């Protein structure tokens, strides 16, 4: 039975580490999204307490709620884009690092 080459073990470990880092970023993003949604829920509770729903079109109350949702969508979208860029840059940097390592071992 052949033993795996040392280079393969390092590469597998490095790939796992890179994957773990990406998973941590994704987990952090999900936590931030949950916190953002909870903040919007608390905000809506406050708006509902201050501005009772009395008009058919919602009036100023509805405008405030719609604006809060739009703001939340933009914030979550921006954090998603940031996380995607971080993962992409990390993967690219990791790939370049592996190329340099392989080249230097020859």
Foldseek 3Di string as FASTA:
>chain_A
DDDDDPLVVVVVVLVVVLVVVLVVLVVVLVVVLVVLVVVLVVVLVVLCVVDPQDDPVSPPSVVVNVVSVVVSVVVSVVSVVVSVVVSVVSVVVSVVVSVVVVVVVD
